[in-house]
Amino acid sequence: MASLIRYSEKSGLEISFSGEKWESFIVMSGARDAEKIFRHLYRKRIILNYKVVSGYAVHQSTVNPDFLSEGVYFRKYFALYYSENSEDFFSIYKEGDLVIKRWIIAVLAYVHDYDSISFLISRLTDPDRKISEKAYESLKQLTKLDPAGSEKKDIHDLDVVDRFSEYTEKIRKR
């Protein structure tokens, strides 16, 4: 599959698989090939069945958690689904284990939306350091702000939370 994608990119010829065919390739592939498939799908904006892709993510959280934490294009690709499935993103987070929670937070780094940013801000004070640190990383990536670093404060500090909240208010006013 990776060779086919590489050939397509170099030659400019499109791969004309159905959505179901792409989905079956993803489910059958290993992590490295899946990431290459998601890179291709992301670049071409080929949108597959949300339930299949979200189910795949939840499954990977238990069988291959490293893939979720390392798969940049899978995160970017999954973020494309947010606008029509935001409630489900939060449900996956709420019902998920630590791996899927951190992954959803990482996905939200690619979603420039008032509710998603507010959600991330609320995770800055989570008692689980892995959650709050991932939320800070996502907010930092999304907003290009680093209030903890620039103000020499802990990421849980209320001044840090306020800086991100101010950013969120600017978005809401647009």
C-alpha atoms as a PDB file:
ATOM      1  CA  MET A   1       0.000   0.000   0.000  1.00  0.00           C
ATOM      2  CA  ALA A   2       2.803   2.422   0.870  1.00  0.00           C
ATOM      3  CA  SER A   3       4.373   1.816  -2.545  1.00  0.00           C
ATOM      4  CA  LEU A   4       1.078   2.521  -4.295  1.00  0.00           C
ATOM      5  CA  ILE A   5       0.611   5.769  -2.404  1.00  0.00           C
ATOM      6  CA  ARG A   6       4.188   6.826  -3.129  1.00  0.00           C
ATOM      7  CA  TYR A   7       3.694   6.017  -6.832  1.00  0.00           C
ATOM      8  CA  SER A   8       0.451   7.993  -6.891  1.00  0.00           C
ATOM      9  CA  GLU A   9       2.100  11.016  -5.294  1.00  0.00           C
ATOM     10  CA  LYS A  10       5.084  10.962  -7.664  1.00  0.00           C
ATOM     11  CA  SER A  11       3.095  10.311 -10.827  1.00  0.00           C
ATOM     12  CA  GLY A  12       0.134  12.528 -10.024  1.00  0.00           C
ATOM     13  CA  LEU A  13      -2.247   9.663 -10.742  1.00  0.00           C
ATOM     14  CA  GLU A  14      -5.179   9.364  -8.382  1.00  0.00           C
ATOM     15  CA  ILE A  15      -5.991   6.217  -6.441  1.00  0.00           C
ATOM     16  CA  SER A  16      -9.675   5.592  -7.025  1.00  0.00           C
ATOM     17  CA  PHE A  17     -10.559   3.223  -4.188  1.00  0.00           C
ATOM     18  CA  SER A  18     -13.996   3.307  -2.627  1.00  0.00           C
ATOM     19  CA  GLY A  19     -14.335   4.413   0.970  1.00  0.00           C
ATOM     20  CA  GLU A  20     -14.969   0.830   2.019  1.00  0.00           C
ATOM     21  CA  LYS A  21     -11.758  -0.293   0.318  1.00  0.00           C
ATOM     22  CA  TRP A  22      -9.711   2.377   2.139  1.00  0.00           C
ATOM     23  CA  GLU A  23     -11.343   1.360   5.411  1.00  0.00           C
ATOM     24  CA  SER A  24     -10.442  -2.293   4.904  1.00  0.00           C
ATOM     25  CA  PHE A  25      -6.832  -1.376   4.084  1.00  0.00           C
ATOM     26  CA  ILE A  26      -6.606   0.666   7.280  1.00  0.00           C
ATOM     27  CA  VAL A  27      -8.048  -2.100   9.448  1.00  0.00           C
ATOM     28  CA  MET A  28      -5.738  -4.725   7.917  1.00  0.00           C
ATOM     29  CA  SER A  29      -2.558  -2.642   7.889  1.00  0.00           C
ATOM     30  CA  GLY A  30       0.130  -2.215  10.481  1.00  0.00           C
ATOM     31  CA  ALA A  31       0.715   1.082  12.242  1.00  0.00           C
ATOM     32  CA  ARG A  32       3.360   2.376   9.847  1.00  0.00           C
ATOM     33  CA  ASP A  33       1.260   1.702   6.755  1.00  0.00           C
ATOM     34  CA  ALA A  34      -1.869   3.043   8.450  1.00  0.00           C
ATOM     35  CA  GLU A  35      -0.090   6.330   9.149  1.00  0.00           C
ATOM     36  CA  LYS A  36       0.896   6.561   5.451  1.00  0.00           C
ATOM     37  CA  ILE A  37      -2.688   5.861   4.444  1.00  0.00           C
ATOM     38  CA  PHE A  38      -3.960   8.558   6.818  1.00  0.00           C
ATOM     39  CA  ARG A  39      -1.386  11.006   5.440  1.00  0.00           C
ATOM     40  CA  HIS A  40      -2.708  10.337   1.930  1.00  0.00           C
ATOM     41  CA  LEU A  41      -6.355  10.573   2.992  1.00  0.00           C
ATOM     42  CA  TYR A  42      -5.648  13.802   4.883  1.00  0.00           C
ATOM     43  CA  ARG A  43      -3.818  15.429   1.992  1.00  0.00           C
ATOM     44  CA  LYS A  44      -6.518  14.417  -0.498  1.00  0.00           C
ATOM     45  CA  ARG A  45      -9.350  15.172   1.966  1.00  0.00           C
ATOM     46  CA  ILE A  46     -10.877  11.755   1.379  1.00  0.00           C
ATOM     47  CA  ILE A  47     -13.445  11.350   4.136  1.00  0.00           C
ATOM     48  CA  LEU A  48     -14.351   7.840   5.236  1.00  0.00           C
ATOM     49  CA  ASN A  49     -17.148   6.573   7.460  1.00  0.00           C
ATOM     50  CA  TYR A  50     -16.745   8.299  10.821  1.00  0.00           C
ATOM     51  CA  LYS A  51     -17.940   5.304  12.849  1.00  0.00           C
ATOM     52  CA  VAL A  52     -15.351   3.043  11.215  1.00  0.00           C
ATOM     53  CA  VAL A  53     -12.506   5.496  11.808  1.00  0.00           C
ATOM     54  CA  SER A  54     -13.507   6.311  15.396  1.00  0.00           C
ATOM     55  CA  GLY A  55     -13.978   2.615  16.170  1.00  0.00           C
ATOM     56  CA  TYR A  56     -10.531   1.969  14.743  1.00  0.00           C
ATOM     57  CA  ALA A  57      -9.060   4.637  17.058  1.00  0.00           C
ATOM     58  CA  VAL A  58     -10.724   3.185  20.141  1.00  0.00           C
ATOM     59  CA  HIS A  59      -9.535  -0.293  19.199  1.00  0.00           C
ATOM     60  CA  GLN A  60      -5.976   0.944  18.628  1.00  0.00           C
ATOM     61  CA  SER A  61      -5.952   2.518  22.089  1.00  0.00           C
ATOM     62  CA  THR A  62      -5.940  -0.971  23.570  1.00  0.00           C
ATOM     63  CA  VAL A  63      -3.971  -2.998  21.012  1.00  0.00           C
ATOM     64  CA  ASN A  64      -1.457  -0.420  19.782  1.00  0.00           C
ATOM     65  CA  PRO A  65      -1.350   2.657  22.037  1.00  0.00           C
ATOM     66  CA  ASP A  66       2.005   3.790  20.623  1.00  0.00           C
ATOM     67  CA  PHE A  67       0.405   4.183  17.201  1.00  0.00           C
ATOM     68  CA  LEU A  68      -2.111   6.640  18.609  1.00  0.00           C
ATOM     69  CA  SER A  69       0.500   8.691  20.420  1.00  0.00           C
ATOM     70  CA  GLU A  70       2.866   8.789  17.431  1.00  0.00           C
ATOM     71  CA  GLY A  71       0.459   8.987  14.470  1.00  0.00           C
ATOM     72  CA  VAL A  72       0.487  12.678  13.539  1.00  0.00           C
ATOM     73  CA  TYR A  73      -1.471  12.254  10.318  1.00  0.00           C
ATOM     74  CA  PHE A  74      -4.055  10.062  12.002  1.00  0.00           C
ATOM     75  CA  ARG A  75      -4.653  12.890  14.504  1.00  0.00           C
ATOM     76  CA  LYS A  76      -4.830  15.498  11.739  1.00  0.00           C
ATOM     77  CA  TYR A  77      -7.142  13.296   9.702  1.00  0.00           C
ATOM     78  CA  PHE A  78      -9.442  12.529  12.617  1.00  0.00           C
ATOM     79  CA  ALA A  79      -9.680  16.249  13.416  1.00  0.00           C
ATOM     80  CA  LEU A  80     -11.419  16.707  10.044  1.00  0.00           C
ATOM     81  CA  TYR A  81     -14.443  14.939  11.541  1.00  0.00           C
ATOM     82  CA  TYR A  82     -14.823  17.298  14.498  1.00  0.00           C
ATOM     83  CA  SER A  83     -17.267  19.822  13.063  1.00  0.00           C
ATOM     84  CA  GLU A  84     -19.933  17.204  12.398  1.00  0.00           C
ATOM     85  CA  ASN A  85     -19.111  14.889  15.327  1.00  0.00           C
ATOM     86  CA  SER A  86     -17.972  17.129  18.178  1.00  0.00           C
ATOM     87  CA  GLU A  87     -20.364  15.607  20.710  1.00  0.00           C
ATOM     88  CA  ASP A  88     -19.050  12.151  19.904  1.00  0.00           C
ATOM     89  CA  PHE A  89     -15.437  13.337  20.362  1.00  0.00           C
ATOM     90  CA  PHE A  90     -16.315  14.329  23.912  1.00  0.00           C
ATOM     91  CA  SER A  91     -18.169  11.042  24.477  1.00  0.00           C
ATOM     92  CA  ILE A  92     -15.146   9.062  23.308  1.00  0.00           C
ATOM     93  CA  TYR A  93     -13.051  11.081  25.740  1.00  0.00           C
ATOM     94  CA  LYS A  94     -15.449  10.577  28.635  1.00  0.00           C
ATOM     95  CA  GLU A  95     -15.785   6.820  28.093  1.00  0.00           C
ATOM     96  CA  GLY A  96     -12.171   6.185  27.107  1.00  0.00           C
ATOM     97  CA  ASP A  97      -9.104   4.999  28.913  1.00  0.00           C
ATOM     98  CA  LEU A  98      -6.082   7.238  29.518  1.00  0.00           C
ATOM     99  CA  VAL A  99      -4.623   6.457  26.080  1.00  0.00           C
ATOM    100  CA  ILE A 100      -7.754   7.508  24.192  1.00  0.00           C
ATOM    101  CA  LYS A 101      -8.238  10.566  26.424  1.00  0.00           C
ATOM    102  CA  ARG A 102      -4.733  11.793  25.666  1.00  0.00           C
ATOM    103  CA  TRP A 103      -5.276  11.050  21.983  1.00  0.00           C
ATOM    104  CA  ILE A 104      -8.514  13.043  21.797  1.00  0.00           C
ATOM    105  CA  ILE A 105      -6.735  15.935  23.512  1.00  0.00           C
ATOM    106  CA  ALA A 106      -3.929  15.667  20.931  1.00  0.00           C
ATOM    107  CA  VAL A 107      -6.466  15.592  18.077  1.00  0.00           C
ATOM    108  CA  LEU A 108      -8.063  18.782  19.382  1.00  0.00           C
ATOM    109  CA  ALA A 109      -4.746  20.573  18.792  1.00  0.00           C
ATOM    110  CA  TYR A 110      -5.855  20.621  15.145  1.00  0.00           C
ATOM    111  CA  VAL A 111      -9.363  21.966  15.808  1.00  0.00           C
ATOM    112  CA  HIS A 112      -9.677  25.735  15.995  1.00  0.00           C
ATOM    113  CA  ASP A 113     -13.081  25.876  17.657  1.00  0.00           C
ATOM    114  CA  TYR A 114     -14.351  27.693  20.746  1.00  0.00           C
ATOM    115  CA  ASP A 115     -15.787  24.568  22.412  1.00  0.00           C
ATOM    116  CA  SER A 116     -12.719  22.439  21.748  1.00  0.00           C
ATOM    117  CA  ILE A 117     -10.366  25.096  23.113  1.00  0.00           C
ATOM    118  CA  SER A 118     -12.575  25.541  26.183  1.00  0.00           C
ATOM    119  CA  PHE A 119     -12.500  21.791  26.675  1.00  0.00           C
ATOM    120  CA  LEU A 120      -8.698  21.806  26.531  1.00  0.00           C
ATOM    121  CA  ILE A 121      -8.473  24.716  28.962  1.00  0.00           C
ATOM    122  CA  SER A 122     -10.619  22.834  31.461  1.00  0.00           C
ATOM    123  CA  ARG A 123      -8.162  19.927  31.250  1.00  0.00           C
ATOM    124  CA  LEU A 124      -5.237  22.115  32.391  1.00  0.00           C
ATOM    125  CA  THR A 125      -6.325  21.625  35.979  1.00  0.00           C
ATOM    126  CA  ASP A 126      -6.998  17.894  35.680  1.00  0.00           C
ATOM    127  CA  PRO A 127      -5.467  16.022  38.623  1.00  0.00           C
ATOM    128  CA  ASP A 128      -3.888  13.530  36.205  1.00  0.00           C
ATOM    129  CA  ARG A 129      -0.628  15.171  35.106  1.00  0.00           C
ATOM    130  CA  LYS A 130      -0.598  13.220  31.832  1.00  0.00           C
ATOM    131  CA  ILE A 131      -3.939  14.761  30.893  1.00  0.00           C
ATOM    132  CA  SER A 132      -3.055  18.317  31.935  1.00  0.00           C
ATOM    133  CA  GLU A 133       0.341  18.186  30.233  1.00  0.00           C
ATOM    134  CA  LYS A 134      -1.177  16.904  26.978  1.00  0.00           C
ATOM    135  CA  ALA A 135      -3.841  19.637  27.162  1.00  0.00           C
ATOM    136  CA  TYR A 136      -1.133  22.267  27.571  1.00  0.00           C
ATOM    137  CA  GLU A 137       0.827  20.855  24.606  1.00  0.00           C
ATOM    138  CA  SER A 138      -2.319  20.965  22.466  1.00  0.00           C
ATOM    139  CA  LEU A 139      -3.214  24.497  23.517  1.00  0.00           C
ATOM    140  CA  LYS A 140       0.334  25.655  22.926  1.00  0.00           C
ATOM    141  CA  GLN A 141       0.321  24.141  19.423  1.00  0.00           C
ATOM    142  CA  LEU A 142      -3.130  25.467  18.578  1.00  0.00           C
ATOM    143  CA  THR A 143      -2.828  29.003  19.952  1.00  0.00           C
ATOM    144  CA  LYS A 144       0.937  29.514  19.509  1.00  0.00           C
ATOM    145  CA  LEU A 145       0.920  30.787  23.118  1.00  0.00           C
ATOM    146  CA  ASP A 146       3.215  29.531  25.867  1.00  0.00           C
ATOM    147  CA  PRO A 147       2.095  31.379  28.988  1.00  0.00           C
ATOM    148  CA  ALA A 148       3.719  28.907  31.391  1.00  0.00           C
ATOM    149  CA  GLY A 149       7.052  29.296  29.627  1.00  0.00           C
ATOM    150  CA  SER A 150       6.932  33.048  29.090  1.00  0.00           C
ATOM    151  CA  GLU A 151       5.626  33.816  32.577  1.00  0.00           C
ATOM    152  CA  LYS A 152       7.712  31.105  34.284  1.00  0.00           C
ATOM    153  CA  LYS A 153       4.644  29.511  35.845  1.00  0.00           C
ATOM    154  CA  ASP A 154       3.295  26.016  36.252  1.00  0.00           C
ATOM    155  CA  ILE A 155       0.829  24.896  33.580  1.00  0.00           C
ATOM    156  CA  HIS A 156      -1.838  24.536  36.289  1.00  0.00           C
ATOM    157  CA  ASP A 157      -1.428  28.146  37.461  1.00  0.00           C
ATOM    158  CA  LEU A 158      -4.592  30.183  37.123  1.00  0.00           C
ATOM    159  CA  ASP A 159      -2.684  32.939  35.280  1.00  0.00           C
ATOM    160  CA  VAL A 160      -1.828  30.374  32.608  1.00  0.00           C
ATOM    161  CA  VAL A 161      -5.452  29.277  32.412  1.00  0.00           C
ATOM    162  CA  ASP A 162      -6.469  32.954  32.144  1.00  0.00           C
ATOM    163  CA  ARG A 163      -4.127  33.584  29.169  1.00  0.00           C
ATOM    164  CA  PHE A 164      -5.710  30.741  27.236  1.00  0.00           C
ATOM    165  CA  SER A 165      -9.186  31.858  28.324  1.00  0.00           C
ATOM    166  CA  GLU A 166      -8.493  35.348  26.971  1.00  0.00           C
ATOM    167  CA  TYR A 167      -7.543  33.779  23.644  1.00  0.00           C
ATOM    168  CA  THR A 168     -10.798  31.795  23.657  1.00  0.00           C
ATOM    169  CA  GLU A 169     -12.833  34.937  24.269  1.00  0.00           C
ATOM    170  CA  LYS A 170     -11.254  36.568  21.211  1.00  0.00           C
ATOM    171  CA  ILE A 171     -12.338  33.579  19.125  1.00  0.00           C
ATOM    172  CA  ARG A 172     -15.877  33.717  20.436  1.00  0.00           C
ATOM    173  CA  LYS A 173     -16.179  37.399  19.509  1.00  0.00           C
ATOM    174  CA  ARG A 174     -15.288  36.711  15.869  1.00  0.00           C
END
